[in-house]
Amino acid sequence: MNFIPTQINGCHSLESEFIKNKRGYFMISFKENALKKEVHQDVHFVQNYQCFSTTGVLRGVHCQTEIHAQANELISDKHFVLLTLENEKKIW
């Protein structure tokens, strides 16, 4: 996340980080620790990532447990799948 000063004193524009190649992109749109460091205030957003893959590319999805647990959403133009640790069918 990049913090870009604006013409308004104390106001910044937040710019997402893009990692892009021929397979698609991965975007880090928000990180709680980076925002806390920049604004010097307690915030309660954690993080958000988005990625796009071109036709024929499937990105690896990993699961984390305990305090690092997170939900993963896979979205395509054909279907939607929500992957969580509670998924007893273990479709991944």
N, C-alpha and C. Protein backbone atom coordinates (compact mmCIF):
# COMPACT_ATOMS: atom_id res chain seq x y z
N MET A 1 0.84 -1.17 0.00
CA MET A 1 0.00 0.00 0.00
C MET A 1 0.89 1.24 0.00
N ASN A 2 0.63 2.12 -0.92
CA ASN A 2 1.36 3.37 -0.97
C ASN A 2 0.46 4.51 -0.51
N PHE A 3 1.02 5.41 0.27
CA PHE A 3 0.29 6.57 0.79
C PHE A 3 0.77 7.80 0.03
N ILE A 4 -0.11 8.38 -0.76
CA ILE A 4 0.25 9.51 -1.61
C ILE A 4 -0.39 10.78 -1.05
N PRO A 5 0.44 11.78 -0.69
CA PRO A 5 -0.12 13.02 -0.17
C PRO A 5 -1.01 13.70 -1.20
N THR A 6 -2.04 14.38 -0.72
CA THR A 6 -2.92 15.15 -1.60
C THR A 6 -2.74 16.64 -1.29
N GLN A 7 -3.46 17.47 -1.99
CA GLN A 7 -3.39 18.91 -1.75
C GLN A 7 -4.06 19.31 -0.44
N ILE A 8 -4.84 18.39 0.13
CA ILE A 8 -5.51 18.66 1.41
C ILE A 8 -4.58 18.23 2.54
N ASN A 9 -4.25 19.14 3.42
CA ASN A 9 -3.32 18.86 4.51
C ASN A 9 -3.80 17.67 5.36
N GLY A 10 -2.95 16.67 5.53
CA GLY A 10 -3.27 15.50 6.34
C GLY A 10 -4.08 14.43 5.63
N CYS A 11 -4.44 14.67 4.38
CA CYS A 11 -5.23 13.70 3.61
C CYS A 11 -4.31 13.00 2.60
N HIS A 12 -4.40 11.69 2.56
CA HIS A 12 -3.59 10.89 1.64
C HIS A 12 -4.49 10.01 0.78
N SER A 13 -4.02 9.72 -0.39
CA SER A 13 -4.68 8.75 -1.26
C SER A 13 -3.97 7.41 -1.07
N LEU A 14 -4.75 6.35 -0.89
CA LEU A 14 -4.17 5.01 -0.72
C LEU A 14 -4.11 4.32 -2.08
N GLU A 15 -2.93 3.90 -2.46
CA GLU A 15 -2.73 3.23 -3.75
C GLU A 15 -2.40 1.76 -3.50
N SER A 16 -3.16 0.89 -4.13
CA SER A 16 -2.94 -0.55 -3.98
C SER A 16 -1.65 -0.98 -4.67
N GLU A 17 -1.06 -2.07 -4.17
CA GLU A 17 0.14 -2.64 -4.79
C GLU A 17 -0.31 -3.72 -5.78
N PHE A 18 0.20 -3.65 -7.01
CA PHE A 18 -0.09 -4.65 -8.03
C PHE A 18 1.17 -5.43 -8.36
N ILE A 19 1.04 -6.73 -8.41
CA ILE A 19 2.10 -7.60 -8.90
C ILE A 19 1.52 -8.25 -10.15
N LYS A 20 2.03 -7.92 -11.31
CA LYS A 20 1.41 -8.33 -12.57
C LYS A 20 2.42 -9.03 -13.48
N ASN A 21 1.93 -10.09 -14.15
CA ASN A 21 2.71 -10.74 -15.19
C ASN A 21 1.75 -11.33 -16.22
N LYS A 22 2.24 -12.14 -17.14
CA LYS A 22 1.39 -12.65 -18.22
C LYS A 22 0.28 -13.57 -17.73
N ARG A 23 0.40 -14.12 -16.51
CA ARG A 23 -0.63 -15.01 -15.98
C ARG A 23 -1.79 -14.26 -15.36
N GLY A 24 -1.62 -12.97 -15.08
CA GLY A 24 -2.67 -12.18 -14.43
C GLY A 24 -2.06 -11.22 -13.45
N TYR A 25 -2.76 -10.97 -12.34
CA TYR A 25 -2.21 -10.07 -11.33
C TYR A 25 -2.64 -10.49 -9.93
N PHE A 26 -1.92 -9.98 -8.96
CA PHE A 26 -2.23 -10.12 -7.54
C PHE A 26 -2.20 -8.71 -6.97
N MET A 27 -3.27 -8.32 -6.27
CA MET A 27 -3.35 -6.96 -5.75
C MET A 27 -3.50 -6.99 -4.23
N ILE A 28 -2.66 -6.23 -3.56
CA ILE A 28 -2.79 -6.03 -2.12
C ILE A 28 -3.48 -4.69 -1.96
N SER A 29 -4.77 -4.73 -1.67
CA SER A 29 -5.52 -3.48 -1.62
C SER A 29 -5.52 -2.83 -0.24
N PHE A 30 -5.23 -3.60 0.80
CA PHE A 30 -5.25 -3.02 2.14
C PHE A 30 -4.46 -3.88 3.11
N LYS A 31 -3.72 -3.25 4.02
CA LYS A 31 -3.03 -3.93 5.11
C LYS A 31 -3.17 -3.09 6.38
N GLU A 32 -3.72 -3.71 7.41
CA GLU A 32 -3.95 -3.01 8.66
C GLU A 32 -2.66 -2.45 9.25
N ASN A 33 -1.59 -3.25 9.29
CA ASN A 33 -0.36 -2.79 9.94
C ASN A 33 0.25 -1.60 9.20
N ALA A 34 0.16 -1.56 7.88
CA ALA A 34 0.69 -0.42 7.11
C ALA A 34 -0.11 0.84 7.40
N LEU A 35 -1.43 0.71 7.50
CA LEU A 35 -2.28 1.87 7.78
C LEU A 35 -2.02 2.40 9.19
N LYS A 36 -1.93 1.50 10.17
CA LYS A 36 -1.65 1.93 11.55
C LYS A 36 -0.32 2.68 11.62
N LYS A 37 0.67 2.18 10.90
CA LYS A 37 1.99 2.82 10.90
C LYS A 37 1.92 4.22 10.29
N GLU A 38 1.13 4.38 9.26
CA GLU A 38 1.03 5.67 8.56
C GLU A 38 0.20 6.70 9.33
N VAL A 39 -0.95 6.27 9.87
CA VAL A 39 -1.86 7.23 10.50
C VAL A 39 -1.66 7.33 12.01
N HIS A 40 -0.87 6.44 12.59
CA HIS A 40 -0.59 6.46 14.03
C HIS A 40 -1.86 6.38 14.87
N GLN A 41 -2.82 5.58 14.40
CA GLN A 41 -4.06 5.37 15.13
C GLN A 41 -4.45 3.90 15.04
N ASP A 42 -5.24 3.46 16.01
CA ASP A 42 -5.69 2.07 16.03
C ASP A 42 -6.83 1.89 15.02
N VAL A 43 -6.64 1.01 14.06
CA VAL A 43 -7.67 0.70 13.07
C VAL A 43 -7.98 -0.78 13.15
N HIS A 44 -9.15 -1.19 12.67
CA HIS A 44 -9.56 -2.59 12.84
C HIS A 44 -9.90 -3.29 11.54
N PHE A 45 -9.28 -2.90 10.44
CA PHE A 45 -9.36 -3.65 9.21
C PHE A 45 -8.13 -4.53 9.17
N VAL A 46 -8.22 -5.72 8.66
CA VAL A 46 -7.05 -6.59 8.65
C VAL A 46 -6.31 -6.45 7.33
N GLN A 47 -6.82 -7.08 6.29
CA GLN A 47 -6.20 -6.97 4.98
C GLN A 47 -7.14 -7.48 3.91
N ASN A 48 -6.85 -7.13 2.70
CA ASN A 48 -7.66 -7.58 1.58
C ASN A 48 -6.74 -7.79 0.38
N TYR A 49 -6.91 -8.90 -0.29
CA TYR A 49 -6.14 -9.20 -1.49
C TYR A 49 -7.10 -9.55 -2.61
N GLN A 50 -6.73 -9.24 -3.81
CA GLN A 50 -7.50 -9.66 -4.98
C GLN A 50 -6.51 -10.13 -6.03
N CYS A 51 -6.91 -11.08 -6.82
CA CYS A 51 -6.06 -11.48 -7.93
C CYS A 51 -6.94 -11.83 -9.13
N PHE A 52 -6.33 -11.78 -10.28
CA PHE A 52 -7.00 -12.14 -11.53
C PHE A 52 -6.06 -13.06 -12.28
N SER A 53 -6.59 -14.14 -12.81
CA SER A 53 -5.80 -15.07 -13.60
C SER A 53 -6.37 -15.17 -15.00
N THR A 54 -5.49 -15.22 -15.97
CA THR A 54 -5.93 -15.36 -17.35
C THR A 54 -6.42 -16.79 -17.58
N THR A 55 -7.04 -17.03 -18.72
CA THR A 55 -7.59 -18.34 -19.04
C THR A 55 -6.50 -19.41 -18.94
N GLY A 56 -6.83 -20.51 -18.26
CA GLY A 56 -5.91 -21.63 -18.12
C GLY A 56 -5.00 -21.55 -16.92
N VAL A 57 -5.08 -20.49 -16.13
CA VAL A 57 -4.22 -20.35 -14.96
C VAL A 57 -5.06 -20.53 -13.71
N LEU A 58 -4.63 -21.43 -12.82
CA LEU A 58 -5.27 -21.61 -11.52
C LEU A 58 -4.23 -21.32 -10.46
N ARG A 59 -4.49 -20.36 -9.64
CA ARG A 59 -3.54 -20.00 -8.58
C ARG A 59 -3.69 -20.95 -7.41
N GLY A 60 -2.60 -21.20 -6.73
CA GLY A 60 -2.63 -22.04 -5.53
C GLY A 60 -3.34 -21.33 -4.40
N VAL A 61 -4.21 -22.04 -3.71
CA VAL A 61 -4.93 -21.49 -2.57
C VAL A 61 -4.48 -22.27 -1.35
N HIS A 62 -4.11 -21.57 -0.30
CA HIS A 62 -3.67 -22.26 0.91
C HIS A 62 -4.59 -21.89 2.06
N CYS A 63 -4.63 -22.75 3.05
CA CYS A 63 -5.45 -22.49 4.23
C CYS A 63 -4.54 -22.32 5.43
N GLN A 64 -4.95 -21.44 6.32
CA GLN A 64 -4.22 -21.22 7.55
C GLN A 64 -5.17 -21.48 8.71
N THR A 65 -4.62 -21.92 9.83
CA THR A 65 -5.45 -22.23 10.99
C THR A 65 -5.13 -21.29 12.14
N GLU A 66 -5.90 -21.45 13.18
CA GLU A 66 -5.73 -20.70 14.42
C GLU A 66 -5.83 -19.20 14.18
N ILE A 67 -4.93 -18.43 14.76
CA ILE A 67 -5.05 -16.98 14.70
C ILE A 67 -4.82 -16.40 13.30
N HIS A 68 -4.28 -17.20 12.39
CA HIS A 68 -4.03 -16.73 11.03
C HIS A 68 -5.08 -17.23 10.04
N ALA A 69 -6.16 -17.81 10.55
CA ALA A 69 -7.18 -18.37 9.67
C ALA A 69 -7.81 -17.29 8.80
N GLN A 70 -8.20 -17.67 7.60
CA GLN A 70 -8.84 -16.73 6.69
C GLN A 70 -9.73 -17.50 5.72
N ALA A 71 -10.71 -16.81 5.19
CA ALA A 71 -11.58 -17.40 4.17
C ALA A 71 -11.02 -17.02 2.80
N ASN A 72 -11.21 -17.88 1.83
CA ASN A 72 -10.77 -17.61 0.46
C ASN A 72 -11.96 -17.75 -0.46
N GLU A 73 -12.09 -16.82 -1.38
CA GLU A 73 -13.16 -16.86 -2.36
C GLU A 73 -12.54 -17.01 -3.74
N LEU A 74 -13.03 -17.99 -4.48
CA LEU A 74 -12.61 -18.16 -5.87
C LEU A 74 -13.81 -17.80 -6.73
N ILE A 75 -13.63 -16.83 -7.60
CA ILE A 75 -14.73 -16.37 -8.43
C ILE A 75 -14.33 -16.45 -9.89
N SER A 76 -15.19 -17.00 -10.70
CA SER A 76 -14.97 -16.99 -12.14
C SER A 76 -16.28 -16.57 -12.81
N ASP A 77 -16.25 -16.45 -14.11
CA ASP A 77 -17.49 -16.08 -14.80
C ASP A 77 -18.48 -17.23 -14.84
N LYS A 78 -18.06 -18.41 -14.42
CA LYS A 78 -18.92 -19.59 -14.46
C LYS A 78 -19.47 -20.00 -13.10
N HIS A 79 -18.69 -19.80 -12.03
CA HIS A 79 -19.12 -20.28 -10.72
C HIS A 79 -18.42 -19.51 -9.61
N PHE A 80 -18.88 -19.75 -8.39
CA PHE A 80 -18.34 -19.11 -7.20
C PHE A 80 -18.13 -20.20 -6.15
N VAL A 81 -16.97 -20.21 -5.51
CA VAL A 81 -16.67 -21.20 -4.48
C VAL A 81 -16.10 -20.49 -3.26
N LEU A 82 -16.63 -20.74 -2.08
CA LEU A 82 -16.10 -20.19 -0.85
C LEU A 82 -15.37 -21.31 -0.12
N LEU A 83 -14.08 -21.13 0.13
CA LEU A 83 -13.29 -22.15 0.80
C LEU A 83 -12.98 -21.70 2.22
N THR A 84 -13.42 -22.47 3.21
CA THR A 84 -13.12 -22.16 4.59
C THR A 84 -12.74 -23.45 5.30
N LEU A 85 -12.22 -23.32 6.50
CA LEU A 85 -11.87 -24.52 7.28
C LEU A 85 -13.11 -25.31 7.68
N GLU A 86 -14.27 -24.65 7.67
CA GLU A 86 -15.52 -25.32 8.03
C GLU A 86 -16.07 -26.19 6.90
N ASN A 87 -15.45 -26.16 5.74
CA ASN A 87 -15.92 -26.92 4.59
C ASN A 87 -15.59 -28.40 4.80
N GLU A 88 -16.58 -29.15 5.25
CA GLU A 88 -16.35 -30.56 5.58
C GLU A 88 -16.16 -31.44 4.35
N LYS A 89 -16.56 -30.99 3.18
CA LYS A 89 -16.40 -31.80 1.98
C LYS A 89 -14.98 -31.78 1.46
N LYS A 90 -14.17 -30.86 1.92
CA LYS A 90 -12.76 -30.74 1.53
C LYS A 90 -12.62 -30.77 0.02
N ILE A 91 -13.30 -29.82 -0.64
CA ILE A 91 -13.29 -29.81 -2.10
C ILE A 91 -11.99 -29.27 -2.68
N TRP A 92 -11.10 -28.81 -1.86
CA TRP A 92 -9.83 -28.31 -2.39
C TRP A 92 -8.76 -29.34 -2.33
